């Protein structure tokens, strides 16, 4: 909790990414905006290890629709289900999902829809799957 008896001297510790500097008994500290962490709010705060059951899901908003790189790791025993979905408009999207344990990637750039499908190796074995979307 910030101290009200001392005048903060936050010029020596610049908080990054719109963090707010405040004074404590231990010295100046940064209160980070959502999405940032670290002593100076210098690190992007990510979701560490979400867990899902049934029909649960995770949503995350992006500030930009261009130049986004997204990485995620999953593991599942479910034979069918949506892993990742991103939509820019009603006809521009990408989707990664399981069908009968096989990984499928579908996307549309607005003109046509493409589907890439794994036809041999089932991935619903509980092992880590690392996904990178650029």
C-alpha atoms as a PDB file:
ATOM      1  CA  UNK A   1       0.000   0.000   0.000  1.00  0.00           C
ATOM      2  CA  UNK A   2       1.442   3.423  -0.921  1.00  0.00           C
ATOM      3  CA  UNK A   3       2.636   5.646   1.896  1.00  0.00           C
ATOM      4  CA  UNK A   4       0.899   9.022   2.285  1.00  0.00           C
ATOM      5  CA  UNK A   5       3.428  10.488   4.742  1.00  0.00           C
ATOM      6  CA  UNK A   6       6.417  10.685   2.369  1.00  0.00           C
ATOM      7  CA  UNK A   7       6.740  12.398  -0.976  1.00  0.00           C
ATOM      8  CA  UNK A   8       7.445   9.859  -3.703  1.00  0.00           C
ATOM      9  CA  UNK A   9      10.709  10.252  -5.588  1.00  0.00           C
ATOM     10  CA  UNK A  10      10.032   8.147  -8.642  1.00  0.00           C
ATOM     11  CA  UNK A  11      12.443   9.930 -10.977  1.00  0.00           C
ATOM     12  CA  UNK A  12      15.111   7.315 -10.240  1.00  0.00           C
ATOM     13  CA  UNK A  13      12.905   4.355 -11.217  1.00  0.00           C
ATOM     14  CA  UNK A  14      11.083   4.846 -14.502  1.00  0.00           C
ATOM     15  CA  UNK A  15       8.102   2.542 -14.748  1.00  0.00           C
ATOM     16  CA  UNK A  16       7.694   1.263 -18.286  1.00  0.00           C
ATOM     17  CA  UNK A  17       4.550   0.532 -20.312  1.00  0.00           C
ATOM     18  CA  UNK A  18       2.408   3.108 -18.504  1.00  0.00           C
ATOM     19  CA  UNK A  19       3.129   1.674 -15.071  1.00  0.00           C
ATOM     20  CA  UNK A  20       2.596   3.935 -12.056  1.00  0.00           C
ATOM     21  CA  UNK A  21       5.421   4.661  -9.661  1.00  0.00           C
ATOM     22  CA  UNK A  22       4.604   4.952  -5.946  1.00  0.00           C
ATOM     23  CA  UNK A  23       6.577   5.181  -2.723  1.00  0.00           C
ATOM     24  CA  UNK A  24       6.695   2.426  -0.075  1.00  0.00           C
ATOM     25  CA  UNK A  25       8.785   2.017   3.085  1.00  0.00           C
ATOM     26  CA  UNK A  26      11.165  -0.107   0.983  1.00  0.00           C
ATOM     27  CA  UNK A  27      11.512   2.631  -1.661  1.00  0.00           C
ATOM     28  CA  UNK A  28       9.859   3.448  -4.984  1.00  0.00           C
ATOM     29  CA  UNK A  29       7.895   0.652  -6.676  1.00  0.00           C
ATOM     30  CA  UNK A  30       5.996   0.243  -9.916  1.00  0.00           C
ATOM     31  CA  UNK A  31       2.320  -0.740 -10.140  1.00  0.00           C
ATOM     32  CA  UNK A  32       1.971  -2.305 -13.588  1.00  0.00           C
ATOM     33  CA  UNK A  33      -0.960  -1.989 -15.976  1.00  0.00           C
ATOM     34  CA  UNK A  34      -2.759  -5.242 -16.802  1.00  0.00           C
ATOM     35  CA  UNK A  35      -0.688  -7.313 -19.207  1.00  0.00           C
ATOM     36  CA  UNK A  36       2.688  -6.233 -17.771  1.00  0.00           C
ATOM     37  CA  UNK A  37       4.858  -7.437 -14.883  1.00  0.00           C
ATOM     38  CA  UNK A  38       8.393  -7.147 -13.533  1.00  0.00           C
ATOM     39  CA  UNK A  39      10.116  -4.655 -11.260  1.00  0.00           C
ATOM     40  CA  UNK A  40       9.788  -1.935 -13.920  1.00  0.00           C
ATOM     41  CA  UNK A  41       6.761  -3.359 -15.778  1.00  0.00           C
ATOM     42  CA  UNK A  42       9.154  -4.458 -18.515  1.00  0.00           C
ATOM     43  CA  UNK A  43       7.885  -8.018 -19.032  1.00  0.00           C
ATOM     44  CA  UNK A  44       4.762  -9.040 -20.913  1.00  0.00           C
ATOM     45  CA  UNK A  45       2.517 -10.937 -18.541  1.00  0.00           C
ATOM     46  CA  UNK A  46       1.304 -14.139 -20.080  1.00  0.00           C
ATOM     47  CA  UNK A  47      -1.048 -16.857 -19.073  1.00  0.00           C
ATOM     48  CA  UNK A  48       1.072 -19.485 -17.412  1.00  0.00           C
ATOM     49  CA  UNK A  49      -0.862 -22.747 -17.205  1.00  0.00           C
ATOM     50  CA  UNK A  50      -4.605 -22.651 -17.760  1.00  0.00           C
ATOM     51  CA  UNK A  51      -6.569 -25.840 -17.239  1.00  0.00           C
ATOM     52  CA  UNK A  52      -9.876 -26.684 -18.854  1.00  0.00           C
ATOM     53  CA  UNK A  53     -12.671 -29.110 -18.238  1.00  0.00           C
ATOM     54  CA  UNK A  54     -15.789 -29.745 -20.249  1.00  0.00           C
ATOM     55  CA  UNK A  55     -16.746 -26.750 -22.357  1.00  0.00           C
ATOM     56  CA  UNK A  56     -14.455 -24.153 -20.767  1.00  0.00           C
ATOM     57  CA  UNK A  57     -12.294 -21.812 -22.824  1.00  0.00           C
ATOM     58  CA  UNK A  58      -9.773 -19.012 -22.605  1.00  0.00           C
ATOM     59  CA  UNK A  59     -10.123 -15.682 -24.384  1.00  0.00           C
ATOM     60  CA  UNK A  60      -7.466 -13.066 -24.959  1.00  0.00           C
ATOM     61  CA  UNK A  61      -7.788  -9.760 -26.816  1.00  0.00           C
ATOM     62  CA  UNK A  62      -5.102  -8.445 -29.128  1.00  0.00           C
ATOM     63  CA  UNK A  63      -4.377  -4.744 -29.604  1.00  0.00           C
ATOM     64  CA  UNK A  64      -3.289  -5.167 -33.214  1.00  0.00           C
ATOM     65  CA  UNK A  65      -4.365  -7.330 -36.119  1.00  0.00           C
ATOM     66  CA  UNK A  66      -1.056  -7.129 -37.988  1.00  0.00           C
ATOM     67  CA  UNK A  67       2.379  -8.292 -36.949  1.00  0.00           C
ATOM     68  CA  UNK A  68       1.042 -10.551 -34.204  1.00  0.00           C
ATOM     69  CA  UNK A  69       2.980 -13.664 -33.228  1.00  0.00           C
ATOM     70  CA  UNK A  70       1.143 -16.053 -30.943  1.00  0.00           C
ATOM     71  CA  UNK A  71       2.632 -19.085 -29.235  1.00  0.00           C
ATOM     72  CA  UNK A  72       0.814 -21.581 -27.075  1.00  0.00           C
ATOM     73  CA  UNK A  73       1.319 -25.023 -25.677  1.00  0.00           C
ATOM     74  CA  UNK A  74      -1.464 -27.516 -25.145  1.00  0.00           C
ATOM     75  CA  UNK A  75      -1.993 -31.145 -24.275  1.00  0.00           C
ATOM     76  CA  UNK A  76      -5.194 -33.098 -24.412  1.00  0.00           C
ATOM     77  CA  UNK A  77      -6.749 -36.518 -24.247  1.00  0.00           C
ATOM     78  CA  UNK A  78      -9.992 -35.346 -25.873  1.00  0.00           C
ATOM     79  CA  UNK A  79     -10.604 -36.687 -29.388  1.00  0.00           C
ATOM     80  CA  UNK A  80     -12.456 -33.607 -30.644  1.00  0.00           C
ATOM     81  CA  UNK A  81     -12.386 -29.925 -29.736  1.00  0.00           C
ATOM     82  CA  UNK A  82     -11.341 -26.403 -30.605  1.00  0.00           C
ATOM     83  CA  UNK A  83      -7.777 -25.495 -29.605  1.00  0.00           C
ATOM     84  CA  UNK A  84      -7.385 -22.023 -31.068  1.00  0.00           C
ATOM     85  CA  UNK A  85      -9.602 -19.583 -32.955  1.00  0.00           C
ATOM     86  CA  UNK A  86      -8.829 -16.039 -34.091  1.00  0.00           C
ATOM     87  CA  UNK A  87     -11.182 -13.881 -36.144  1.00  0.00           C
ATOM     88  CA  UNK A  88     -10.460 -10.510 -37.731  1.00  0.00           C
ATOM     89  CA  UNK A  89     -13.802 -10.232 -39.546  1.00  0.00           C
ATOM     90  CA  UNK A  90     -16.642 -12.571 -40.449  1.00  0.00           C
ATOM     91  CA  UNK A  91     -14.695 -14.051 -43.368  1.00  0.00           C
ATOM     92  CA  UNK A  92     -11.061 -13.665 -42.172  1.00  0.00           C
ATOM     93  CA  UNK A  93     -10.101 -16.148 -39.465  1.00  0.00           C
ATOM     94  CA  UNK A  94      -7.890 -19.056 -38.439  1.00  0.00           C
ATOM     95  CA  UNK A  95      -8.834 -22.107 -36.457  1.00  0.00           C
ATOM     96  CA  UNK A  96      -6.903 -25.030 -35.003  1.00  0.00           C
ATOM     97  CA  UNK A  97      -8.924 -27.992 -33.791  1.00  0.00           C
ATOM     98  CA  UNK A  98      -9.000 -31.742 -33.227  1.00  0.00           C
ATOM     99  CA  UNK A  99     -11.247 -34.126 -35.088  1.00  0.00           C
ATOM    100  CA  UNK A 100     -10.995 -37.791 -34.075  1.00  0.00           C
ATOM    101  CA  UNK A 101      -7.626 -36.982 -32.460  1.00  0.00           C
ATOM    102  CA  UNK A 102      -6.200 -35.562 -35.688  1.00  0.00           C
ATOM    103  CA  UNK A 103      -4.990 -31.965 -35.829  1.00  0.00           C
ATOM    104  CA  UNK A 104      -6.715 -29.669 -38.337  1.00  0.00           C
ATOM    105  CA  UNK A 105      -5.836 -26.101 -39.284  1.00  0.00           C
ATOM    106  CA  UNK A 106      -8.394 -24.052 -41.207  1.00  0.00           C
ATOM    107  CA  UNK A 107      -8.067 -20.443 -42.274  1.00  0.00           C
ATOM    108  CA  UNK A 108      -9.624 -17.923 -44.595  1.00  0.00           C
ATOM    109  CA  UNK A 109      -8.071 -14.763 -46.008  1.00  0.00           C
ATOM    110  CA  UNK A 110     -11.479 -13.526 -47.125  1.00  0.00           C
ATOM    111  CA  UNK A 111     -11.363 -14.932 -50.644  1.00  0.00           C
ATOM    112  CA  UNK A 112     -11.136 -18.667 -50.038  1.00  0.00           C
ATOM    113  CA  UNK A 113     -10.909 -21.118 -47.151  1.00  0.00           C
ATOM    114  CA  UNK A 114      -8.030 -23.584 -46.781  1.00  0.00           C
ATOM    115  CA  UNK A 115      -7.843 -26.704 -44.612  1.00  0.00           C
ATOM    116  CA  UNK A 116      -4.659 -28.509 -43.629  1.00  0.00           C
ATOM    117  CA  UNK A 117      -5.160 -31.821 -41.883  1.00  0.00           C
ATOM    118  CA  UNK A 118      -2.961 -34.408 -40.204  1.00  0.00           C
ATOM    119  CA  UNK A 119      -4.113 -37.770 -41.561  1.00  0.00           C
ATOM    120  CA  UNK A 120      -1.946 -40.264 -39.679  1.00  0.00           C
ATOM    121  CA  UNK A 121      -0.709 -39.169 -36.254  1.00  0.00           C
ATOM    122  CA  UNK A 122      -3.225 -38.593 -33.481  1.00  0.00           C
ATOM    123  CA  UNK A 123      -2.158 -35.899 -31.017  1.00  0.00           C
ATOM    124  CA  UNK A 124      -4.712 -36.468 -28.250  1.00  0.00           C
ATOM    125  CA  UNK A 125      -2.218 -38.529 -26.245  1.00  0.00           C
ATOM    126  CA  UNK A 126      -1.568 -36.102 -23.364  1.00  0.00           C
ATOM    127  CA  UNK A 127       1.849 -35.064 -24.668  1.00  0.00           C
ATOM    128  CA  UNK A 128       2.829 -31.417 -25.155  1.00  0.00           C
ATOM    129  CA  UNK A 129       1.880 -29.748 -28.439  1.00  0.00           C
ATOM    130  CA  UNK A 130       3.659 -26.450 -29.108  1.00  0.00           C
ATOM    131  CA  UNK A 131       1.932 -24.127 -31.572  1.00  0.00           C
ATOM    132  CA  UNK A 132       3.292 -20.956 -33.156  1.00  0.00           C
ATOM    133  CA  UNK A 133       1.028 -18.735 -35.283  1.00  0.00           C
ATOM    134  CA  UNK A 134       2.569 -15.838 -37.183  1.00  0.00           C
END
